[in-house]
């Protein structure tokens, strides 16, 4: 049964550039620059990308950065820890926004 996420679509990413190749090439140049070694290593950037992929819940990115992290020399323990960091930040962000509810409730008089 087909489903929304098709893992083979990741291999088709370059098709996004079909109708606006200029924008696709601009993005790819930026992306390659960002993901290249700099102040952070390629390995560190792949772990960050893996954590962000989980936070934004992108199955294509999870696949890509799982592979990228492994290829850059990370192991499952490091990758799992990075995912937990993303989970903790996302959870904390959810909780701190609870203050918005407290503030809104304080303004409402029933």
N, C-alpha and C. Protein backbone atom coordinates (compact mmCIF):
# COMPACT_ATOMS: atom_id res chain seq x y z
N UNK A 1 0.85 -1.18 0.00
CA UNK A 1 0.00 0.00 0.00
C UNK A 1 0.90 1.25 0.00
N UNK A 2 0.72 2.15 -0.94
CA UNK A 2 1.53 3.36 -0.96
C UNK A 2 1.16 4.28 0.20
N UNK A 3 2.09 5.08 0.60
CA UNK A 3 1.84 6.04 1.68
C UNK A 3 2.49 7.37 1.32
N UNK A 4 2.26 8.36 2.13
CA UNK A 4 2.70 9.73 1.85
C UNK A 4 4.22 9.81 1.70
N UNK A 5 4.93 9.21 2.62
CA UNK A 5 6.39 9.23 2.60
C UNK A 5 6.91 8.08 1.77
N UNK A 6 7.62 8.40 0.72
CA UNK A 6 8.25 7.40 -0.13
C UNK A 6 9.76 7.60 -0.05
N UNK A 7 10.46 6.69 0.60
CA UNK A 7 11.89 6.89 0.82
C UNK A 7 12.68 7.09 -0.46
N UNK A 8 12.23 6.53 -1.56
CA UNK A 8 12.93 6.71 -2.84
C UNK A 8 12.83 8.15 -3.36
N UNK A 9 11.89 8.92 -2.85
CA UNK A 9 11.77 10.31 -3.28
C UNK A 9 12.99 11.13 -2.89
N UNK A 10 13.69 10.74 -1.85
CA UNK A 10 14.90 11.46 -1.45
C UNK A 10 15.91 11.50 -2.59
N UNK A 11 16.00 10.44 -3.35
CA UNK A 11 16.91 10.38 -4.49
C UNK A 11 16.46 11.30 -5.62
N UNK A 12 15.24 11.78 -5.57
CA UNK A 12 14.68 12.64 -6.61
C UNK A 12 14.75 14.12 -6.24
N UNK A 13 15.47 14.45 -5.19
CA UNK A 13 15.49 15.83 -4.67
C UNK A 13 15.83 16.85 -5.76
N UNK A 14 16.74 16.50 -6.65
CA UNK A 14 17.16 17.46 -7.68
C UNK A 14 16.03 17.83 -8.64
N UNK A 15 14.96 17.04 -8.68
CA UNK A 15 13.82 17.37 -9.53
C UNK A 15 13.14 18.67 -9.09
N UNK A 16 13.37 19.06 -7.85
CA UNK A 16 12.81 20.32 -7.34
C UNK A 16 13.31 21.49 -8.18
N UNK A 17 14.49 21.35 -8.77
CA UNK A 17 15.07 22.42 -9.58
C UNK A 17 14.59 22.49 -11.01
N UNK A 18 13.67 21.64 -11.40
CA UNK A 18 13.25 21.55 -12.80
C UNK A 18 12.69 22.87 -13.33
N UNK A 19 11.83 23.53 -12.58
CA UNK A 19 11.13 24.69 -13.10
C UNK A 19 11.80 26.02 -12.72
N UNK A 20 12.64 26.01 -11.70
CA UNK A 20 13.39 27.21 -11.32
C UNK A 20 14.81 26.79 -10.96
N UNK A 21 15.59 26.36 -11.96
CA UNK A 21 16.95 25.88 -11.68
C UNK A 21 17.83 26.92 -11.01
N UNK A 22 17.60 28.19 -11.30
CA UNK A 22 18.39 29.24 -10.67
C UNK A 22 18.22 29.23 -9.15
N UNK A 23 16.98 29.11 -8.70
CA UNK A 23 16.72 29.07 -7.25
C UNK A 23 17.27 27.79 -6.62
N UNK A 24 17.11 26.69 -7.33
CA UNK A 24 17.64 25.41 -6.83
C UNK A 24 19.15 25.50 -6.68
N UNK A 25 19.83 26.03 -7.68
CA UNK A 25 21.29 26.13 -7.61
C UNK A 25 21.73 27.10 -6.51
N UNK A 26 20.99 28.19 -6.33
CA UNK A 26 21.30 29.11 -5.23
C UNK A 26 21.19 28.40 -3.89
N UNK A 27 20.10 27.65 -3.73
CA UNK A 27 19.92 26.90 -2.48
C UNK A 27 21.03 25.88 -2.29
N UNK A 28 21.34 25.11 -3.33
CA UNK A 28 22.36 24.07 -3.21
C UNK A 28 23.73 24.65 -2.89
N UNK A 29 24.07 25.78 -3.49
CA UNK A 29 25.35 26.43 -3.17
C UNK A 29 25.38 26.85 -1.71
N UNK A 30 24.29 27.45 -1.25
CA UNK A 30 24.19 27.84 0.16
C UNK A 30 24.29 26.62 1.07
N UNK A 31 23.49 25.60 0.76
CA UNK A 31 23.47 24.39 1.56
C UNK A 31 24.86 23.75 1.64
N UNK A 32 25.53 23.62 0.52
CA UNK A 32 26.86 23.00 0.51
C UNK A 32 27.85 23.82 1.31
N UNK A 33 27.73 25.13 1.24
CA UNK A 33 28.59 25.99 2.06
C UNK A 33 28.34 25.81 3.54
N UNK A 34 27.07 25.76 3.91
CA UNK A 34 26.70 25.59 5.31
C UNK A 34 27.19 24.25 5.84
N UNK A 35 27.04 23.20 5.06
CA UNK A 35 27.36 21.86 5.54
C UNK A 35 28.84 21.49 5.41
N UNK A 36 29.63 22.37 4.83
CA UNK A 36 31.08 22.12 4.73
C UNK A 36 31.75 22.40 6.07
N UNK A 37 32.92 21.81 6.26
CA UNK A 37 33.67 22.04 7.49
C UNK A 37 34.00 23.52 7.62
N UNK A 38 33.87 24.00 8.82
CA UNK A 38 34.20 25.40 9.15
C UNK A 38 34.59 25.42 10.61
N UNK A 39 33.95 26.28 11.38
CA UNK A 39 34.18 26.28 12.82
C UNK A 39 33.70 24.96 13.42
N UNK A 40 32.69 24.37 12.79
CA UNK A 40 32.20 23.04 13.17
C UNK A 40 32.63 22.04 12.10
N UNK A 41 32.89 20.83 12.54
CA UNK A 41 33.27 19.77 11.60
C UNK A 41 32.04 19.27 10.84
N UNK A 42 32.27 18.57 9.75
CA UNK A 42 31.18 17.94 8.99
C UNK A 42 30.43 16.98 9.90
N UNK A 43 31.13 16.26 10.75
CA UNK A 43 30.51 15.32 11.68
C UNK A 43 29.58 16.04 12.65
N UNK A 44 30.05 17.15 13.22
CA UNK A 44 29.22 17.91 14.15
C UNK A 44 27.98 18.47 13.45
N UNK A 45 28.17 18.97 12.23
CA UNK A 45 27.04 19.52 11.49
C UNK A 45 26.02 18.43 11.14
N UNK A 46 26.49 17.25 10.82
CA UNK A 46 25.57 16.15 10.51
C UNK A 46 24.75 15.77 11.75
N UNK A 47 25.37 15.79 12.92
CA UNK A 47 24.64 15.50 14.16
C UNK A 47 23.60 16.58 14.46
N UNK A 48 23.98 17.83 14.24
CA UNK A 48 23.01 18.92 14.43
C UNK A 48 21.85 18.74 13.46
N UNK A 49 22.17 18.45 12.20
CA UNK A 49 21.13 18.26 11.19
C UNK A 49 20.22 17.09 11.55
N UNK A 50 20.79 16.02 12.09
CA UNK A 50 19.98 14.87 12.50
C UNK A 50 19.03 15.27 13.62
N UNK A 51 19.51 16.03 14.59
CA UNK A 51 18.66 16.48 15.68
C UNK A 51 17.55 17.39 15.18
N UNK A 52 17.89 18.33 14.31
CA UNK A 52 16.89 19.24 13.75
C UNK A 52 15.88 18.47 12.91
N UNK A 53 16.35 17.48 12.15
CA UNK A 53 15.45 16.65 11.34
C UNK A 53 14.37 16.01 12.20
N UNK A 54 14.75 15.58 13.38
CA UNK A 54 13.77 14.99 14.28
C UNK A 54 12.84 16.06 14.85
N UNK A 55 13.39 17.22 15.18
CA UNK A 55 12.56 18.29 15.74
C UNK A 55 11.52 18.77 14.73
N UNK A 56 11.89 18.85 13.44
CA UNK A 56 10.94 19.29 12.43
C UNK A 56 10.18 18.12 11.82
N UNK A 57 10.51 16.92 12.25
CA UNK A 57 9.83 15.68 11.87
C UNK A 57 9.80 15.45 10.36
N UNK A 58 10.98 15.56 9.74
CA UNK A 58 11.11 15.33 8.30
C UNK A 58 11.71 13.95 8.07
N UNK A 59 10.92 12.98 7.62
CA UNK A 59 11.45 11.63 7.43
C UNK A 59 12.57 11.57 6.38
N UNK A 60 12.49 12.43 5.36
CA UNK A 60 13.55 12.45 4.36
C UNK A 60 14.87 12.92 4.98
N UNK A 61 14.77 13.96 5.80
CA UNK A 61 15.97 14.49 6.47
C UNK A 61 16.52 13.48 7.48
N UNK A 62 15.63 12.79 8.19
CA UNK A 62 16.08 11.78 9.14
C UNK A 62 16.87 10.71 8.42
N UNK A 63 16.36 10.24 7.28
CA UNK A 63 17.10 9.25 6.49
C UNK A 63 18.45 9.81 6.05
N UNK A 64 18.43 11.01 5.48
CA UNK A 64 19.66 11.60 4.93
C UNK A 64 20.71 11.84 6.01
N UNK A 65 20.30 12.38 7.16
CA UNK A 65 21.28 12.72 8.18
C UNK A 65 21.64 11.56 9.09
N UNK A 66 20.83 10.50 9.09
CA UNK A 66 21.28 9.26 9.72
C UNK A 66 22.46 8.73 8.92
N UNK A 67 22.28 8.67 7.62
CA UNK A 67 23.37 8.22 6.75
C UNK A 67 24.57 9.17 6.85
N UNK A 68 24.30 10.46 6.79
CA UNK A 68 25.38 11.45 6.86
C UNK A 68 26.16 11.38 8.16
N UNK A 69 25.46 11.18 9.26
CA UNK A 69 26.12 11.07 10.56
C UNK A 69 27.00 9.83 10.62
N UNK A 70 26.46 8.72 10.15
CA UNK A 70 27.25 7.48 10.14
C UNK A 70 28.47 7.62 9.24
N UNK A 71 28.27 8.18 8.05
CA UNK A 71 29.39 8.35 7.12
C UNK A 71 30.44 9.32 7.64
N UNK A 72 30.03 10.27 8.47
CA UNK A 72 30.98 11.24 9.04
C UNK A 72 31.66 10.70 10.29
N UNK A 73 31.31 9.49 10.71
CA UNK A 73 32.01 8.86 11.82
C UNK A 73 31.28 8.83 13.14
N UNK A 74 30.03 9.25 13.18
CA UNK A 74 29.26 9.18 14.42
C UNK A 74 28.74 7.76 14.63
N UNK A 75 28.41 7.47 15.87
CA UNK A 75 27.84 6.16 16.18
C UNK A 75 26.41 6.36 16.71
N UNK A 76 25.70 5.26 16.90
CA UNK A 76 24.31 5.35 17.33
C UNK A 76 24.15 5.98 18.71
N UNK A 77 25.13 5.80 19.58
CA UNK A 77 25.04 6.44 20.90
C UNK A 77 25.06 7.96 20.76
N UNK A 78 25.97 8.49 19.95
CA UNK A 78 26.06 9.94 19.73
C UNK A 78 24.81 10.46 19.03
N UNK A 79 24.35 9.71 18.04
CA UNK A 79 23.17 10.13 17.30
C UNK A 79 21.93 10.15 18.19
N UNK A 80 21.80 9.14 19.03
CA UNK A 80 20.66 9.09 19.95
C UNK A 80 20.71 10.24 20.93
N UNK A 81 21.91 10.56 21.42
CA UNK A 81 22.05 11.69 22.34
C UNK A 81 21.66 13.00 21.65
N UNK A 82 22.06 13.18 20.40
CA UNK A 82 21.69 14.39 19.66
C UNK A 82 20.17 14.49 19.51
N UNK A 83 19.52 13.36 19.26
CA UNK A 83 18.07 13.34 19.13
C UNK A 83 17.42 13.70 20.47
N UNK A 84 18.00 13.23 21.56
CA UNK A 84 17.47 13.58 22.88
C UNK A 84 17.64 15.07 23.17
N UNK A 85 18.73 15.65 22.72
CA UNK A 85 18.92 17.10 22.88
C UNK A 85 17.78 17.84 22.17
N UNK A 86 17.49 17.45 20.94
CA UNK A 86 16.40 18.08 20.19
C UNK A 86 15.08 17.91 20.93
N UNK A 87 14.85 16.73 21.47
CA UNK A 87 13.62 16.45 22.19
C UNK A 87 13.51 17.33 23.44
N UNK A 88 14.61 17.49 24.16
CA UNK A 88 14.60 18.31 25.37
C UNK A 88 14.34 19.77 25.05
N UNK A 89 14.95 20.27 23.98
CA UNK A 89 14.74 21.67 23.60
C UNK A 89 13.30 21.88 23.13
N UNK A 90 12.80 20.95 22.34
CA UNK A 90 11.42 21.08 21.87
C UNK A 90 10.43 20.99 23.03
N UNK A 91 10.70 20.07 23.95
CA UNK A 91 9.84 19.95 25.13
C UNK A 91 9.87 21.20 25.99
N UNK A 92 11.06 21.74 26.20
CA UNK A 92 11.19 22.97 26.98
C UNK A 92 10.50 24.14 26.31
N UNK A 93 10.61 24.22 25.00
CA UNK A 93 9.94 25.30 24.26
C UNK A 93 8.43 25.19 24.40
N UNK A 94 7.92 23.98 24.40
CA UNK A 94 6.49 23.78 24.60
C UNK A 94 6.08 24.25 25.99
N UNK A 95 6.86 23.87 26.97
CA UNK A 95 6.52 24.24 28.35
C UNK A 95 6.60 25.74 28.59
N UNK A 96 7.63 26.41 28.08
CA UNK A 96 7.76 27.85 28.33
C UNK A 96 6.62 28.62 27.66
N UNK A 97 6.11 28.08 26.56
CA UNK A 97 4.97 28.74 25.94
C UNK A 97 3.71 28.60 26.79
N UNK A 98 3.74 27.73 27.77
CA UNK A 98 2.64 27.65 28.72
C UNK A 98 2.45 28.95 29.48
N UNK A 99 3.52 29.73 29.61
CA UNK A 99 3.42 31.04 30.25
C UNK A 99 2.48 31.94 29.45
N UNK A 100 2.43 31.74 28.13
CA UNK A 100 1.49 32.51 27.31
C UNK A 100 0.07 32.24 27.77
N UNK A 101 -0.24 30.98 28.07
CA UNK A 101 -1.58 30.63 28.55
C UNK A 101 -1.84 31.28 29.90
N UNK A 102 -0.85 31.28 30.76
CA UNK A 102 -1.00 31.92 32.07
C UNK A 102 -1.25 33.42 31.89
N UNK A 103 -0.47 34.06 31.00
CA UNK A 103 -0.65 35.49 30.74
C UNK A 103 -2.03 35.78 30.17
N UNK A 104 -2.47 34.96 29.20
CA UNK A 104 -3.78 35.15 28.61
C UNK A 104 -4.89 34.95 29.64
N UNK A 105 -4.75 33.94 30.47
CA UNK A 105 -5.76 33.68 31.49
C UNK A 105 -5.84 34.84 32.48
N UNK A 106 -4.71 35.45 32.78
CA UNK A 106 -4.69 36.57 33.72
C UNK A 106 -5.44 37.77 33.17
N UNK A 107 -5.52 37.90 31.84
CA UNK A 107 -6.20 39.04 31.20
C UNK A 107 -7.71 38.80 31.03
N UNK A 108 -8.11 37.54 31.15
CA UNK A 108 -9.51 37.19 30.90
C UNK A 108 -10.27 37.22 32.22
N UNK A 109 -11.34 37.94 32.22
CA UNK A 109 -12.22 37.92 33.40
C UNK A 109 -13.53 37.27 32.97
N UNK A 110 -13.89 36.26 33.67
CA UNK A 110 -15.13 35.54 33.35
C UNK A 110 -16.24 35.98 34.26
